[in-house]
Amino acid sequence: MDRAIHVIGLTALVSVLIVVFTLFIPLQCGVSTDQMKRAQTANFLNNLSHIDIAPRATLSERALAAAMSEENQDWSPCSCDGGELRDAWKTRIRVVVDQQTPGGRLQSAGLDARFDTEDDLVRAIVTNEMPNKSPNKSR
């Protein structure tokens, strides 16, 4: 009985310490919450941009979310639950597949939660597909 009480007390203490370190250490280091969220979102996008989705035709938000879920990592505060990708500000991440970027691109709206503004975070999606090249003609 006494041991159970000690374990519960220790668990509560560890939980409090985690909260304190999570909230106060970034403040003491001069890192704002928004800077931290930007860094967390950038890390999430970097990981997303290297997920192997083949063929390119299947690239979608749902496919990336499913692949990220299989990684069994905690991406908090970003998420990939329910087939939706969300950044640290809980805004959906845009997945763009177009001709401008061979693999497509990922775009977070950033702090202002509006796309196509200067605070957006954008990453090209890395693919394993090789572009079709015409054979070299010898002279």
C-alpha atoms as a PDB file:
ATOM      1  CA  MET A   1       0.000   0.000   0.000  1.00  0.00           C
ATOM      2  CA  ASP A   2       2.770   2.445   0.952  1.00  0.00           C
ATOM      3  CA  ARG A   3       4.674   1.553  -2.188  1.00  0.00           C
ATOM      4  CA  ALA A   4       1.617   2.318  -4.363  1.00  0.00           C
ATOM      5  CA  ILE A   5       1.278   5.733  -2.706  1.00  0.00           C
ATOM      6  CA  HIS A   6       4.955   6.464  -3.372  1.00  0.00           C
ATOM      7  CA  VAL A   7       4.611   5.423  -7.018  1.00  0.00           C
ATOM      8  CA  ILE A   8       1.537   7.651  -7.454  1.00  0.00           C
ATOM      9  CA  GLY A   9       3.334  10.552  -5.768  1.00  0.00           C
ATOM     10  CA  LEU A  10       6.427  10.054  -7.921  1.00  0.00           C
ATOM     11  CA  THR A  11       4.302   9.878 -11.071  1.00  0.00           C
ATOM     12  CA  ALA A  12       2.551  13.129 -10.116  1.00  0.00           C
ATOM     13  CA  LEU A  13       5.893  14.806  -9.428  1.00  0.00           C
ATOM     14  CA  VAL A  14       7.307  13.719 -12.783  1.00  0.00           C
ATOM     15  CA  SER A  15       4.164  14.987 -14.537  1.00  0.00           C
ATOM     16  CA  VAL A  16       4.489  18.382 -12.845  1.00  0.00           C
ATOM     17  CA  LEU A  17       8.174  18.596 -13.770  1.00  0.00           C
ATOM     18  CA  ILE A  18       7.395  17.797 -17.413  1.00  0.00           C
ATOM     19  CA  VAL A  19       4.810  20.580 -17.521  1.00  0.00           C
ATOM     20  CA  VAL A  20       7.177  23.033 -15.834  1.00  0.00           C
ATOM     21  CA  PHE A  21      10.053  22.234 -18.192  1.00  0.00           C
ATOM     22  CA  THR A  22       7.794  22.322 -21.242  1.00  0.00           C
ATOM     23  CA  LEU A  23       6.322  25.707 -20.366  1.00  0.00           C
ATOM     24  CA  PHE A  24       9.117  27.585 -18.649  1.00  0.00           C
ATOM     25  CA  ILE A  25      12.411  26.487 -20.180  1.00  0.00           C
ATOM     26  CA  PRO A  26      11.539  27.850 -23.660  1.00  0.00           C
ATOM     27  CA  LEU A  27      10.598  31.162 -22.004  1.00  0.00           C
ATOM     28  CA  GLN A  28      13.892  31.282 -20.115  1.00  0.00           C
ATOM     29  CA  CYS A  29      15.826  30.596 -23.328  1.00  0.00           C
ATOM     30  CA  GLY A  30      14.125  33.464 -25.116  1.00  0.00           C
ATOM     31  CA  VAL A  31      12.135  31.213 -27.448  1.00  0.00           C
ATOM     32  CA  SER A  32       8.552  32.319 -27.971  1.00  0.00           C
ATOM     33  CA  THR A  33       5.659  29.920 -28.289  1.00  0.00           C
ATOM     34  CA  ASP A  34       5.227  30.944 -31.928  1.00  0.00           C
ATOM     35  CA  GLN A  35       8.905  30.284 -32.671  1.00  0.00           C
ATOM     36  CA  MET A  36       8.576  26.881 -31.056  1.00  0.00           C
ATOM     37  CA  LYS A  37       5.443  26.076 -33.078  1.00  0.00           C
ATOM     38  CA  ARG A  38       7.208  27.192 -36.251  1.00  0.00           C
ATOM     39  CA  ALA A  39      10.131  24.871 -35.485  1.00  0.00           C
ATOM     40  CA  GLN A  40       7.781  21.969 -34.666  1.00  0.00           C
ATOM     41  CA  THR A  41       5.835  22.518 -37.890  1.00  0.00           C
ATOM     42  CA  ALA A  42       9.071  22.743 -39.921  1.00  0.00           C
ATOM     43  CA  ASN A  43      10.233  19.431 -38.421  1.00  0.00           C
ATOM     44  CA  PHE A  44       6.856  17.833 -39.186  1.00  0.00           C
ATOM     45  CA  LEU A  45       6.947  19.081 -42.802  1.00  0.00           C
ATOM     46  CA  ASN A  46      10.522  17.830 -43.219  1.00  0.00           C
ATOM     47  CA  ASN A  47       9.461  14.374 -42.079  1.00  0.00           C
ATOM     48  CA  LEU A  48       6.357  14.473 -44.277  1.00  0.00           C
ATOM     49  CA  SER A  49       8.351  15.536 -47.314  1.00  0.00           C
ATOM     50  CA  HIS A  50      10.455  12.364 -47.164  1.00  0.00           C
ATOM     51  CA  ILE A  51       7.670   9.814 -46.712  1.00  0.00           C
ATOM     52  CA  ASP A  52       7.782   7.265 -49.516  1.00  0.00           C
ATOM     53  CA  ILE A  53       4.487   7.465 -51.417  1.00  0.00           C
ATOM     54  CA  ALA A  54       4.607   5.727 -54.762  1.00  0.00           C
ATOM     55  CA  PRO A  55       3.368   6.154 -57.356  1.00  0.00           C
ATOM     56  CA  ARG A  56       3.060   9.938 -57.424  1.00  0.00           C
ATOM     57  CA  ALA A  57      -0.558   9.659 -58.607  1.00  0.00           C
ATOM     58  CA  THR A  58      -1.531   8.437 -55.127  1.00  0.00           C
ATOM     59  CA  LEU A  59      -0.032  11.455 -53.356  1.00  0.00           C
ATOM     60  CA  SER A  60      -2.699  13.072 -51.227  1.00  0.00           C
ATOM     61  CA  GLU A  61      -3.253  14.444 -47.746  1.00  0.00           C
ATOM     62  CA  ARG A  62      -4.930  11.189 -46.744  1.00  0.00           C
ATOM     63  CA  ALA A  63      -2.054   9.046 -48.103  1.00  0.00           C
ATOM     64  CA  LEU A  64       0.561  11.154 -46.307  1.00  0.00           C
ATOM     65  CA  ALA A  65      -1.443  11.105 -43.058  1.00  0.00           C
ATOM     66  CA  ALA A  66      -1.746   7.315 -43.246  1.00  0.00           C
ATOM     67  CA  ALA A  67       1.985   6.932 -43.905  1.00  0.00           C
ATOM     68  CA  MET A  68       2.863   9.268 -41.023  1.00  0.00           C
ATOM     69  CA  SER A  69       0.509   7.386 -38.685  1.00  0.00           C
ATOM     70  CA  GLU A  70       2.434   4.193 -39.462  1.00  0.00           C
ATOM     71  CA  GLU A  71       5.607   5.854 -38.154  1.00  0.00           C
ATOM     72  CA  ASN A  72       4.232   5.434 -34.592  1.00  0.00           C
ATOM     73  CA  GLN A  73       5.685   8.721 -33.384  1.00  0.00           C
ATOM     74  CA  ASP A  74       4.127  11.519 -31.425  1.00  0.00           C
ATOM     75  CA  TRP A  75       4.196  14.549 -33.715  1.00  0.00           C
ATOM     76  CA  SER A  76       2.546  16.860 -31.136  1.00  0.00           C
ATOM     77  CA  PRO A  77       1.466  19.563 -31.474  1.00  0.00           C
ATOM     78  CA  CYS A  78       1.233  18.736 -35.191  1.00  0.00           C
ATOM     79  CA  SER A  79      -1.041  15.862 -36.129  1.00  0.00           C
ATOM     80  CA  CYS A  80      -1.958  13.416 -38.850  1.00  0.00           C
ATOM     81  CA  ASP A  81      -5.136  11.998 -37.343  1.00  0.00           C
ATOM     82  CA  GLY A  82      -8.269  11.107 -39.283  1.00  0.00           C
ATOM     83  CA  GLY A  83      -6.621  11.553 -42.657  1.00  0.00           C
ATOM     84  CA  GLU A  84      -5.907  15.233 -42.010  1.00  0.00           C
ATOM     85  CA  LEU A  85      -2.516  16.860 -41.642  1.00  0.00           C
ATOM     86  CA  ARG A  86      -2.435  19.766 -39.192  1.00  0.00           C
ATOM     87  CA  ASP A  87       0.387  22.087 -38.247  1.00  0.00           C
ATOM     88  CA  ALA A  88       1.264  23.278 -34.737  1.00  0.00           C
ATOM     89  CA  TRP A  89      -1.402  26.001 -35.009  1.00  0.00           C
ATOM     90  CA  LYS A  90      -4.006  23.277 -35.812  1.00  0.00           C
ATOM     91  CA  THR A  91      -4.464  24.577 -39.377  1.00  0.00           C
ATOM     92  CA  ARG A  92      -4.697  22.008 -42.174  1.00  0.00           C
ATOM     93  CA  ILE A  93      -1.538  21.495 -44.171  1.00  0.00           C
ATOM     94  CA  ARG A  94      -2.025  21.958 -47.898  1.00  0.00           C
ATOM     95  CA  VAL A  95      -0.746  19.175 -50.167  1.00  0.00           C
ATOM     96  CA  VAL A  96      -0.160  20.478 -53.693  1.00  0.00           C
ATOM     97  CA  VAL A  97       0.570  18.194 -56.616  1.00  0.00           C
ATOM     98  CA  ASP A  98       1.341  20.223 -59.716  1.00  0.00           C
ATOM     99  CA  GLN A  99       3.742  20.494 -62.615  1.00  0.00           C
ATOM    100  CA  GLN A 100       5.858  23.176 -60.903  1.00  0.00           C
ATOM    101  CA  THR A 101       7.310  20.816 -58.315  1.00  0.00           C
ATOM    102  CA  PRO A 102       8.098  17.251 -59.483  1.00  0.00           C
ATOM    103  CA  GLY A 103       7.007  15.541 -56.256  1.00  0.00           C
ATOM    104  CA  GLY A 104       4.559  18.163 -55.099  1.00  0.00           C
ATOM    105  CA  ARG A 105       4.803  20.415 -52.086  1.00  0.00           C
ATOM    106  CA  LEU A 106       3.513  20.804 -48.550  1.00  0.00           C
ATOM    107  CA  GLN A 107       2.391  24.169 -47.251  1.00  0.00           C
ATOM    108  CA  SER A 108       1.602  25.301 -43.721  1.00  0.00           C
ATOM    109  CA  ALA A 109      -0.279  28.589 -43.433  1.00  0.00           C
ATOM    110  CA  GLY A 110       1.894  29.551 -40.471  1.00  0.00           C
ATOM    111  CA  LEU A 111       0.984  31.775 -37.553  1.00  0.00           C
ATOM    112  CA  ASP A 112      -1.584  33.905 -39.412  1.00  0.00           C
ATOM    113  CA  ALA A 113      -3.499  30.770 -40.573  1.00  0.00           C
ATOM    114  CA  ARG A 114      -3.748  32.216 -44.110  1.00  0.00           C
ATOM    115  CA  PHE A 115      -2.123  30.580 -47.100  1.00  0.00           C
ATOM    116  CA  ASP A 116       0.133  32.390 -49.546  1.00  0.00           C
ATOM    117  CA  THR A 117       1.485  34.921 -47.060  1.00  0.00           C
ATOM    118  CA  GLU A 118       5.107  35.477 -46.099  1.00  0.00           C
ATOM    119  CA  ASP A 119       4.942  33.422 -42.886  1.00  0.00           C
ATOM    120  CA  ASP A 120       3.987  30.199 -44.723  1.00  0.00           C
ATOM    121  CA  LEU A 121       6.245  27.169 -44.416  1.00  0.00           C
ATOM    122  CA  VAL A 122       6.689  25.276 -47.693  1.00  0.00           C
ATOM    123  CA  ARG A 123       8.582  22.040 -48.354  1.00  0.00           C
ATOM    124  CA  ALA A 124       9.041  20.143 -51.607  1.00  0.00           C
ATOM    125  CA  ILE A 125       8.035  16.490 -51.420  1.00  0.00           C
ATOM    126  CA  VAL A 126      10.924  14.176 -52.167  1.00  0.00           C
ATOM    127  CA  THR A 127       9.979  11.290 -54.450  1.00  0.00           C
ATOM    128  CA  ASN A 128      11.798   8.222 -55.654  1.00  0.00           C
ATOM    129  CA  GLU A 129      10.309   8.495 -59.102  1.00  0.00           C
ATOM    130  CA  MET A 130      12.717   9.389 -61.842  1.00  0.00           C
ATOM    131  CA  PRO A 131      11.489  11.803 -64.490  1.00  0.00           C
ATOM    132  CA  ASN A 132      11.164  10.403 -67.984  1.00  0.00           C
ATOM    133  CA  LYS A 133      14.244  11.334 -69.971  1.00  0.00           C
ATOM    134  CA  SER A 134      14.634  11.021 -73.657  1.00  0.00           C
ATOM    135  CA  PRO A 135      17.503   8.778 -74.668  1.00  0.00           C
ATOM    136  CA  ASN A 136      20.739  10.520 -75.590  1.00  0.00           C
ATOM    137  CA  LYS A 137      21.274  10.680 -79.308  1.00  0.00           C
ATOM    138  CA  SER A 138      24.794   9.994 -80.400  1.00  0.00           C
ATOM    139  CA  ARG A 139      26.274  12.044 -83.198  1.00  0.00           C
END
